């Protein structure tokens, strides 16, 4: 089987090498392996750092985003990927590459369309999550799970794995920023694709600066939530 890892980057020169070196360690455990980096209009030395590191590593590919925004970067990465399974892994190294192997094992063994990680189960581990963001996260995710009658409780977590064909079937992707990480699992659930949920580990980033801005992104999440609710309603109406 085969795996493509999409890493969107914006001004991650201080962190990206650590992330790439960690991910390379799992290369030998997957038959076909590639890392696709989408540079989202970085203004620092990120691109040069990546190019120097990957000059002799053909499995690492870097592309320039065509339209600024995380949503566009993820969409481009999906289209550029060539392998059966696609994982999204953020450059901040908050997620654990070992969990990626668990994702891969689950989706491959059970022939699923997606595997969703949750940071909030009895077997999960969360380290140094800012308390204000944590409270907002739990309120929002709990509300979404109620609206969609879902047992999943971590929709906004970026780190997930999908079958590529399934991801392509979700296009067009309308979210332009971090809200893409809400749109993708909601579409998976509404369209009744096969998925499972597993516990994962998460640690707050040690280097660089978080690009997540609550005040700027709130309206975007609301837009995506309404859009996906409308889609769910229309899909249910068709089934009736």
C-alpha atoms as a PDB file:
ATOM      1  CA  UNK A   1       0.000   0.000   0.000  1.00  0.00           C
ATOM      2  CA  UNK A   2       1.055   3.608  -0.308  1.00  0.00           C
ATOM      3  CA  UNK A   3       0.991   6.849   1.641  1.00  0.00           C
ATOM      4  CA  UNK A   4       1.227  10.546   0.788  1.00  0.00           C
ATOM      5  CA  UNK A   5       1.785  13.025   3.615  1.00  0.00           C
ATOM      6  CA  UNK A   6       0.668  16.606   2.988  1.00  0.00           C
ATOM      7  CA  UNK A   7       2.412  19.331   4.982  1.00  0.00           C
ATOM      8  CA  UNK A   8       1.211  22.918   4.452  1.00  0.00           C
ATOM      9  CA  UNK A   9       3.860  25.449   5.501  1.00  0.00           C
ATOM     10  CA  UNK A  10       3.915  29.185   6.092  1.00  0.00           C
ATOM     11  CA  UNK A  11       7.031  30.656   7.702  1.00  0.00           C
ATOM     12  CA  UNK A  12       8.158  27.413   9.365  1.00  0.00           C
ATOM     13  CA  UNK A  13      11.939  27.711   8.817  1.00  0.00           C
ATOM     14  CA  UNK A  14      12.688  27.068  12.512  1.00  0.00           C
ATOM     15  CA  UNK A  15      10.555  23.916  12.738  1.00  0.00           C
ATOM     16  CA  UNK A  16      10.265  22.190   9.362  1.00  0.00           C
ATOM     17  CA  UNK A  17      13.535  20.215   9.500  1.00  0.00           C
ATOM     18  CA  UNK A  18      12.584  18.591  12.802  1.00  0.00           C
ATOM     19  CA  UNK A  19       9.248  17.606  11.322  1.00  0.00           C
ATOM     20  CA  UNK A  20      10.723  16.170   8.125  1.00  0.00           C
ATOM     21  CA  UNK A  21      13.418  14.204   9.969  1.00  0.00           C
ATOM     22  CA  UNK A  22      10.758  12.662  12.211  1.00  0.00           C
ATOM     23  CA  UNK A  23       8.525  11.670   9.300  1.00  0.00           C
ATOM     24  CA  UNK A  24      11.383  10.179   7.273  1.00  0.00           C
ATOM     25  CA  UNK A  25      11.829   7.559  10.006  1.00  0.00           C
ATOM     26  CA  UNK A  26       8.583   5.860   8.964  1.00  0.00           C
ATOM     27  CA  UNK A  27       9.466   5.732   5.259  1.00  0.00           C
ATOM     28  CA  UNK A  28      10.747   2.159   5.368  1.00  0.00           C
ATOM     29  CA  UNK A  29       7.486   0.919   6.899  1.00  0.00           C
ATOM     30  CA  UNK A  30       5.381   1.925   3.888  1.00  0.00           C
ATOM     31  CA  UNK A  31       5.754   0.480   0.375  1.00  0.00           C
ATOM     32  CA  UNK A  32       5.275   3.752  -1.511  1.00  0.00           C
ATOM     33  CA  UNK A  33       5.914   6.959   0.373  1.00  0.00           C
ATOM     34  CA  UNK A  34       5.968  10.649  -0.437  1.00  0.00           C
ATOM     35  CA  UNK A  35       5.933  13.918   1.457  1.00  0.00           C
ATOM     36  CA  UNK A  36       4.184  16.770  -0.316  1.00  0.00           C
ATOM     37  CA  UNK A  37       4.952  20.221   1.033  1.00  0.00           C
ATOM     38  CA  UNK A  38       2.780  23.131  -0.045  1.00  0.00           C
ATOM     39  CA  UNK A  39       4.442  26.479   0.617  1.00  0.00           C
ATOM     40  CA  UNK A  40       1.683  28.951   1.425  1.00  0.00           C
ATOM     41  CA  UNK A  41       3.443  32.194   0.449  1.00  0.00           C
ATOM     42  CA  UNK A  42       6.173  32.013   3.109  1.00  0.00           C
ATOM     43  CA  UNK A  43       8.177  35.213   3.565  1.00  0.00           C
ATOM     44  CA  UNK A  44      11.043  33.677   5.548  1.00  0.00           C
ATOM     45  CA  UNK A  45      13.637  31.065   4.565  1.00  0.00           C
ATOM     46  CA  UNK A  46      11.277  28.075   4.733  1.00  0.00           C
ATOM     47  CA  UNK A  47      11.436  27.134   1.066  1.00  0.00           C
ATOM     48  CA  UNK A  48      15.238  27.293   0.866  1.00  0.00           C
ATOM     49  CA  UNK A  49      15.589  25.187   4.012  1.00  0.00           C
ATOM     50  CA  UNK A  50      13.321  22.512   2.508  1.00  0.00           C
ATOM     51  CA  UNK A  51      15.018  22.547  -0.881  1.00  0.00           C
ATOM     52  CA  UNK A  52      18.476  22.153   0.651  1.00  0.00           C
ATOM     53  CA  UNK A  53      17.356  19.270   2.864  1.00  0.00           C
ATOM     54  CA  UNK A  54      15.428  17.471   0.123  1.00  0.00           C
ATOM     55  CA  UNK A  55      17.849  17.953  -2.778  1.00  0.00           C
ATOM     56  CA  UNK A  56      18.673  14.219  -2.894  1.00  0.00           C
ATOM     57  CA  UNK A  57      15.369  12.946  -1.510  1.00  0.00           C
ATOM     58  CA  UNK A  58      13.034  12.507  -4.466  1.00  0.00           C
ATOM     59  CA  UNK A  59      10.171  11.423  -2.234  1.00  0.00           C
ATOM     60  CA  UNK A  60       9.985  14.970  -0.809  1.00  0.00           C
ATOM     61  CA  UNK A  61       8.198  17.320  -3.208  1.00  0.00           C
ATOM     62  CA  UNK A  62       7.526  21.018  -2.717  1.00  0.00           C
ATOM     63  CA  UNK A  63       4.949  23.119  -4.541  1.00  0.00           C
ATOM     64  CA  UNK A  64       3.938  26.753  -4.307  1.00  0.00           C
ATOM     65  CA  UNK A  65       0.356  27.406  -3.297  1.00  0.00           C
ATOM     66  CA  UNK A  66      -1.654  29.072  -6.052  1.00  0.00           C
ATOM     67  CA  UNK A  67      -4.106  30.938  -3.821  1.00  0.00           C
ATOM     68  CA  UNK A  68      -3.100  32.050  -0.350  1.00  0.00           C
ATOM     69  CA  UNK A  69      -4.779  30.137   2.445  1.00  0.00           C
ATOM     70  CA  UNK A  70      -4.552  26.841   4.291  1.00  0.00           C
ATOM     71  CA  UNK A  71      -7.656  25.462   2.585  1.00  0.00           C
ATOM     72  CA  UNK A  72      -6.172  26.059  -0.841  1.00  0.00           C
ATOM     73  CA  UNK A  73      -2.849  24.542   0.262  1.00  0.00           C
ATOM     74  CA  UNK A  74      -4.517  21.324   1.453  1.00  0.00           C
ATOM     75  CA  UNK A  75      -6.634  21.105  -1.712  1.00  0.00           C
ATOM     76  CA  UNK A  76      -3.538  21.478  -3.899  1.00  0.00           C
ATOM     77  CA  UNK A  77      -1.709  18.849  -1.861  1.00  0.00           C
ATOM     78  CA  UNK A  78      -4.561  16.389  -2.366  1.00  0.00           C
ATOM     79  CA  UNK A  79      -4.477  16.901  -6.123  1.00  0.00           C
ATOM     80  CA  UNK A  80      -0.680  16.563  -6.258  1.00  0.00           C
ATOM     81  CA  UNK A  81      -0.627  13.336  -4.221  1.00  0.00           C
ATOM     82  CA  UNK A  82      -0.169  10.070  -6.109  1.00  0.00           C
ATOM     83  CA  UNK A  83      -0.653   7.386  -3.454  1.00  0.00           C
ATOM     84  CA  UNK A  84      -3.712   5.508  -2.223  1.00  0.00           C
ATOM     85  CA  UNK A  85      -3.833   7.082   1.237  1.00  0.00           C
ATOM     86  CA  UNK A  86      -3.343  10.732   2.165  1.00  0.00           C
ATOM     87  CA  UNK A  87      -2.482  12.032   5.630  1.00  0.00           C
ATOM     88  CA  UNK A  88      -2.440  15.678   6.683  1.00  0.00           C
ATOM     89  CA  UNK A  89       0.387  16.472   9.069  1.00  0.00           C
ATOM     90  CA  UNK A  90       1.003  19.997  10.335  1.00  0.00           C
ATOM     91  CA  UNK A  91       4.539  21.395  10.332  1.00  0.00           C
ATOM     92  CA  UNK A  92       4.447  22.388  14.010  1.00  0.00           C
ATOM     93  CA  UNK A  93       5.203  18.817  15.132  1.00  0.00           C
ATOM     94  CA  UNK A  94       2.361  18.837  17.658  1.00  0.00           C
ATOM     95  CA  UNK A  95       1.300  15.401  16.439  1.00  0.00           C
ATOM     96  CA  UNK A  96       3.195  12.149  16.835  1.00  0.00           C
ATOM     97  CA  UNK A  97       4.489  10.295  13.729  1.00  0.00           C
ATOM     98  CA  UNK A  98       3.922   7.034  15.611  1.00  0.00           C
ATOM     99  CA  UNK A  99       0.202   7.806  15.552  1.00  0.00           C
ATOM    100  CA  UNK A 100       0.496   8.165  11.789  1.00  0.00           C
ATOM    101  CA  UNK A 101       1.586   4.531  11.599  1.00  0.00           C
ATOM    102  CA  UNK A 102      -1.474   3.583  13.668  1.00  0.00           C
ATOM    103  CA  UNK A 103      -3.640   5.543  11.216  1.00  0.00           C
ATOM    104  CA  UNK A 104      -2.075   3.762   8.274  1.00  0.00           C
ATOM    105  CA  UNK A 105      -2.518   0.342   9.846  1.00  0.00           C
ATOM    106  CA  UNK A 106      -6.195   0.987  10.627  1.00  0.00           C
ATOM    107  CA  UNK A 107      -7.218   2.426   7.252  1.00  0.00           C
ATOM    108  CA  UNK A 108      -5.352  -0.248   5.327  1.00  0.00           C
ATOM    109  CA  UNK A 109      -6.368  -3.253   7.430  1.00  0.00           C
ATOM    110  CA  UNK A 110     -10.058  -2.322   7.613  1.00  0.00           C
ATOM    111  CA  UNK A 111     -10.370  -0.799   4.121  1.00  0.00           C
ATOM    112  CA  UNK A 112     -11.759   2.465   5.495  1.00  0.00           C
ATOM    113  CA  UNK A 113     -12.282   5.834   3.848  1.00  0.00           C
ATOM    114  CA  UNK A 114     -10.829   7.727   6.803  1.00  0.00           C
ATOM    115  CA  UNK A 115      -9.355   7.447  10.276  1.00  0.00           C
ATOM    116  CA  UNK A 116     -10.042  10.314  12.670  1.00  0.00           C
ATOM    117  CA  UNK A 117      -7.791  10.922  15.630  1.00  0.00           C
ATOM    118  CA  UNK A 118      -9.130  12.309  18.863  1.00  0.00           C
ATOM    119  CA  UNK A 119      -7.084  14.167  21.438  1.00  0.00           C
ATOM    120  CA  UNK A 120      -9.894  13.820  23.937  1.00  0.00           C
ATOM    121  CA  UNK A 121     -10.462  10.223  24.962  1.00  0.00           C
ATOM    122  CA  UNK A 122      -9.402   8.221  28.007  1.00  0.00           C
ATOM    123  CA  UNK A 123      -6.431   6.867  26.066  1.00  0.00           C
ATOM    124  CA  UNK A 124      -5.373  10.175  24.478  1.00  0.00           C
ATOM    125  CA  UNK A 125      -2.580  12.437  25.691  1.00  0.00           C
ATOM    126  CA  UNK A 126      -2.646  16.240  25.532  1.00  0.00           C
ATOM    127  CA  UNK A 127       0.294  18.319  26.752  1.00  0.00           C
ATOM    128  CA  UNK A 128       0.345  22.089  27.272  1.00  0.00           C
ATOM    129  CA  UNK A 129      -2.889  22.986  25.467  1.00  0.00           C
ATOM    130  CA  UNK A 130      -3.614  26.716  26.147  1.00  0.00           C
ATOM    131  CA  UNK A 131      -6.562  26.722  28.525  1.00  0.00           C
ATOM    132  CA  UNK A 132      -8.641  29.366  26.722  1.00  0.00           C
ATOM    133  CA  UNK A 133      -8.309  27.588  23.379  1.00  0.00           C
ATOM    134  CA  UNK A 134      -9.046  24.270  25.083  1.00  0.00           C
ATOM    135  CA  UNK A 135     -12.326  25.518  26.555  1.00  0.00           C
ATOM    136  CA  UNK A 136     -13.453  26.948  23.218  1.00  0.00           C
ATOM    137  CA  UNK A 137     -12.379  23.766  21.460  1.00  0.00           C
ATOM    138  CA  UNK A 138     -14.449  21.534  23.709  1.00  0.00           C
ATOM    139  CA  UNK A 139     -17.549  23.750  23.536  1.00  0.00           C
ATOM    140  CA  UNK A 140     -17.409  23.966  19.759  1.00  0.00           C
ATOM    141  CA  UNK A 141     -16.640  20.299  19.116  1.00  0.00           C
ATOM    142  CA  UNK A 142     -19.325  19.152  21.545  1.00  0.00           C
ATOM    143  CA  UNK A 143     -21.854  21.393  19.783  1.00  0.00           C
ATOM    144  CA  UNK A 144     -20.892  19.995  16.385  1.00  0.00           C
ATOM    145  CA  UNK A 145     -21.189  16.407  17.604  1.00  0.00           C
ATOM    146  CA  UNK A 146     -24.724  17.153  18.842  1.00  0.00           C
ATOM    147  CA  UNK A 147     -25.774  18.829  15.595  1.00  0.00           C
ATOM    148  CA  UNK A 148     -24.507  15.901  13.514  1.00  0.00           C
ATOM    149  CA  UNK A 149     -25.490  13.196  16.003  1.00  0.00           C
ATOM    150  CA  UNK A 150     -21.918  11.926  15.937  1.00  0.00           C
ATOM    151  CA  UNK A 151     -19.776  10.213  18.550  1.00  0.00           C
ATOM    152  CA  UNK A 152     -16.683  11.995  17.231  1.00  0.00           C
ATOM    153  CA  UNK A 153     -15.446  14.783  19.509  1.00  0.00           C
ATOM    154  CA  UNK A 154     -12.422  16.330  17.759  1.00  0.00           C
ATOM    155  CA  UNK A 155     -13.568  17.542  14.334  1.00  0.00           C
ATOM    156  CA  UNK A 156     -11.188  20.521  14.317  1.00  0.00           C
ATOM    157  CA  UNK A 157      -8.085  18.384  14.721  1.00  0.00           C
ATOM    158  CA  UNK A 158      -6.044  18.679  11.525  1.00  0.00           C
ATOM    159  CA  UNK A 159      -4.228  15.351  11.819  1.00  0.00           C
ATOM    160  CA  UNK A 160      -6.240  12.683   9.993  1.00  0.00           C
ATOM    161  CA  UNK A 161      -5.797  10.130   7.201  1.00  0.00           C
ATOM    162  CA  UNK A 162      -8.047   9.522   4.199  1.00  0.00           C
ATOM    163  CA  UNK A 163      -8.310   7.386   1.107  1.00  0.00           C
ATOM    164  CA  UNK A 164      -7.325   9.727  -1.735  1.00  0.00           C
ATOM    165  CA  UNK A 165     -10.272   8.777  -3.941  1.00  0.00           C
ATOM    166  CA  UNK A 166     -12.590   9.643  -1.074  1.00  0.00           C
ATOM    167  CA  UNK A 167     -10.971  13.042  -0.580  1.00  0.00           C
ATOM    168  CA  UNK A 168     -11.330  13.847  -4.275  1.00  0.00           C
ATOM    169  CA  UNK A 169     -15.020  12.953  -4.082  1.00  0.00           C
ATOM    170  CA  UNK A 170     -15.442  15.699  -1.448  1.00  0.00           C
ATOM    171  CA  UNK A 171     -14.473  18.438  -3.904  1.00  0.00           C
ATOM    172  CA  UNK A 172     -15.173  21.277  -4.250  1.00  0.00           C
ATOM    173  CA  UNK A 173     -13.709  22.206  -0.882  1.00  0.00           C
ATOM    174  CA  UNK A 174     -15.091  25.591   0.128  1.00  0.00           C
ATOM    175  CA  UNK A 175     -13.099  26.316   3.303  1.00  0.00           C
ATOM    176  CA  UNK A 176     -10.213  28.732   2.887  1.00  0.00           C
ATOM    177  CA  UNK A 177      -8.392  28.350   6.186  1.00  0.00           C
ATOM    178  CA  UNK A 178      -8.248  26.117   9.266  1.00  0.00           C
ATOM    179  CA  UNK A 179     -11.968  25.488   8.828  1.00  0.00           C
ATOM    180  CA  UNK A 180     -11.056  22.936   6.152  1.00  0.00           C
ATOM    181  CA  UNK A 181     -10.306  20.573   9.026  1.00  0.00           C
ATOM    182  CA  UNK A 182     -13.964  20.825  10.030  1.00  0.00           C
ATOM    183  CA  UNK A 183     -15.318  20.502   6.492  1.00  0.00           C
ATOM    184  CA  UNK A 184     -13.542  17.266   5.579  1.00  0.00           C
ATOM    185  CA  UNK A 185     -14.730  15.041   8.469  1.00  0.00           C
ATOM    186  CA  UNK A 186     -18.250  16.482   8.373  1.00  0.00           C
ATOM    187  CA  UNK A 187     -18.551  15.573   4.698  1.00  0.00           C
ATOM    188  CA  UNK A 188     -17.189  12.086   5.425  1.00  0.00           C
ATOM    189  CA  UNK A 189     -19.819  11.585   8.130  1.00  0.00           C
ATOM    190  CA  UNK A 190     -22.741  13.129   6.207  1.00  0.00           C
ATOM    191  CA  UNK A 191     -22.010  11.090   3.097  1.00  0.00           C
ATOM    192  CA  UNK A 192     -21.784   7.923   5.192  1.00  0.00           C
ATOM    193  CA  UNK A 193     -18.266   6.937   4.261  1.00  0.00           C
ATOM    194  CA  UNK A 194     -16.542   4.310   6.384  1.00  0.00           C
ATOM    195  CA  UNK A 195     -14.333   5.635   9.170  1.00  0.00           C
ATOM    196  CA  UNK A 196     -13.097   4.860  12.657  1.00  0.00           C
ATOM    197  CA  UNK A 197     -11.878   6.942  15.587  1.00  0.00           C
ATOM    198  CA  UNK A 198      -8.661   6.292  17.510  1.00  0.00           C
ATOM    199  CA  UNK A 199      -6.882   8.103  20.373  1.00  0.00           C
ATOM    200  CA  UNK A 200      -3.808  10.186  19.567  1.00  0.00           C
ATOM    201  CA  UNK A 201      -1.197  12.266  21.360  1.00  0.00           C
ATOM    202  CA  UNK A 202      -0.821  16.034  21.013  1.00  0.00           C
ATOM    203  CA  UNK A 203       1.814  18.434  22.363  1.00  0.00           C
ATOM    204  CA  UNK A 204       1.883  22.189  21.969  1.00  0.00           C
ATOM    205  CA  UNK A 205       4.524  23.401  19.518  1.00  0.00           C
ATOM    206  CA  UNK A 206       7.983  24.260  20.879  1.00  0.00           C
ATOM    207  CA  UNK A 207       9.300  26.312  17.958  1.00  0.00           C
ATOM    208  CA  UNK A 208       7.817  28.923  15.653  1.00  0.00           C
ATOM    209  CA  UNK A 209       4.510  30.762  15.979  1.00  0.00           C
ATOM    210  CA  UNK A 210       1.003  29.322  15.725  1.00  0.00           C
ATOM    211  CA  UNK A 211      -0.958  30.601  12.706  1.00  0.00           C
ATOM    212  CA  UNK A 212      -4.314  29.888  14.359  1.00  0.00           C
ATOM    213  CA  UNK A 213      -6.199  33.093  15.248  1.00  0.00           C
ATOM    214  CA  UNK A 214      -9.507  32.541  17.063  1.00  0.00           C
ATOM    215  CA  UNK A 215     -10.974  35.988  16.393  1.00  0.00           C
ATOM    216  CA  UNK A 216     -10.157  35.828  12.688  1.00  0.00           C
ATOM    217  CA  UNK A 217     -11.380  32.274  12.177  1.00  0.00           C
ATOM    218  CA  UNK A 218     -14.613  32.176  14.172  1.00  0.00           C
ATOM    219  CA  UNK A 219     -16.845  33.330  11.319  1.00  0.00           C
ATOM    220  CA  UNK A 220     -15.131  30.899   8.934  1.00  0.00           C
ATOM    221  CA  UNK A 221     -15.954  27.939  11.186  1.00  0.00           C
ATOM    222  CA  UNK A 222     -19.568  29.087  11.447  1.00  0.00           C
ATOM    223  CA  UNK A 223     -19.764  29.345   7.646  1.00  0.00           C
ATOM    224  CA  UNK A 224     -18.386  25.827   7.205  1.00  0.00           C
ATOM    225  CA  UNK A 225     -20.703  24.435   9.863  1.00  0.00           C
ATOM    226  CA  UNK A 226     -23.780  25.946   8.183  1.00  0.00           C
ATOM    227  CA  UNK A 227     -22.598  24.775   4.757  1.00  0.00           C
ATOM    228  CA  UNK A 228     -22.130  21.204   5.976  1.00  0.00           C
ATOM    229  CA  UNK A 229     -25.462  21.218   7.830  1.00  0.00           C
ATOM    230  CA  UNK A 230     -27.184  22.305   4.627  1.00  0.00           C
ATOM    231  CA  UNK A 231     -25.440  19.541   2.707  1.00  0.00           C
ATOM    232  CA  UNK A 232     -26.488  17.003   5.351  1.00  0.00           C
ATOM    233  CA  UNK A 233     -30.096  18.180   5.094  1.00  0.00           C
ATOM    234  CA  UNK A 234     -30.102  17.931   1.286  1.00  0.00           C
ATOM    235  CA  UNK A 235     -28.506  14.477   1.344  1.00  0.00           C
ATOM    236  CA  UNK A 236     -31.074  13.209   3.841  1.00  0.00           C
ATOM    237  CA  UNK A 237     -33.877  14.652   1.731  1.00  0.00           C
ATOM    238  CA  UNK A 238     -32.591  12.785  -1.342  1.00  0.00           C
ATOM    239  CA  UNK A 239     -32.463   9.515   0.570  1.00  0.00           C
ATOM    240  CA  UNK A 240     -36.107   9.976   1.601  1.00  0.00           C
END
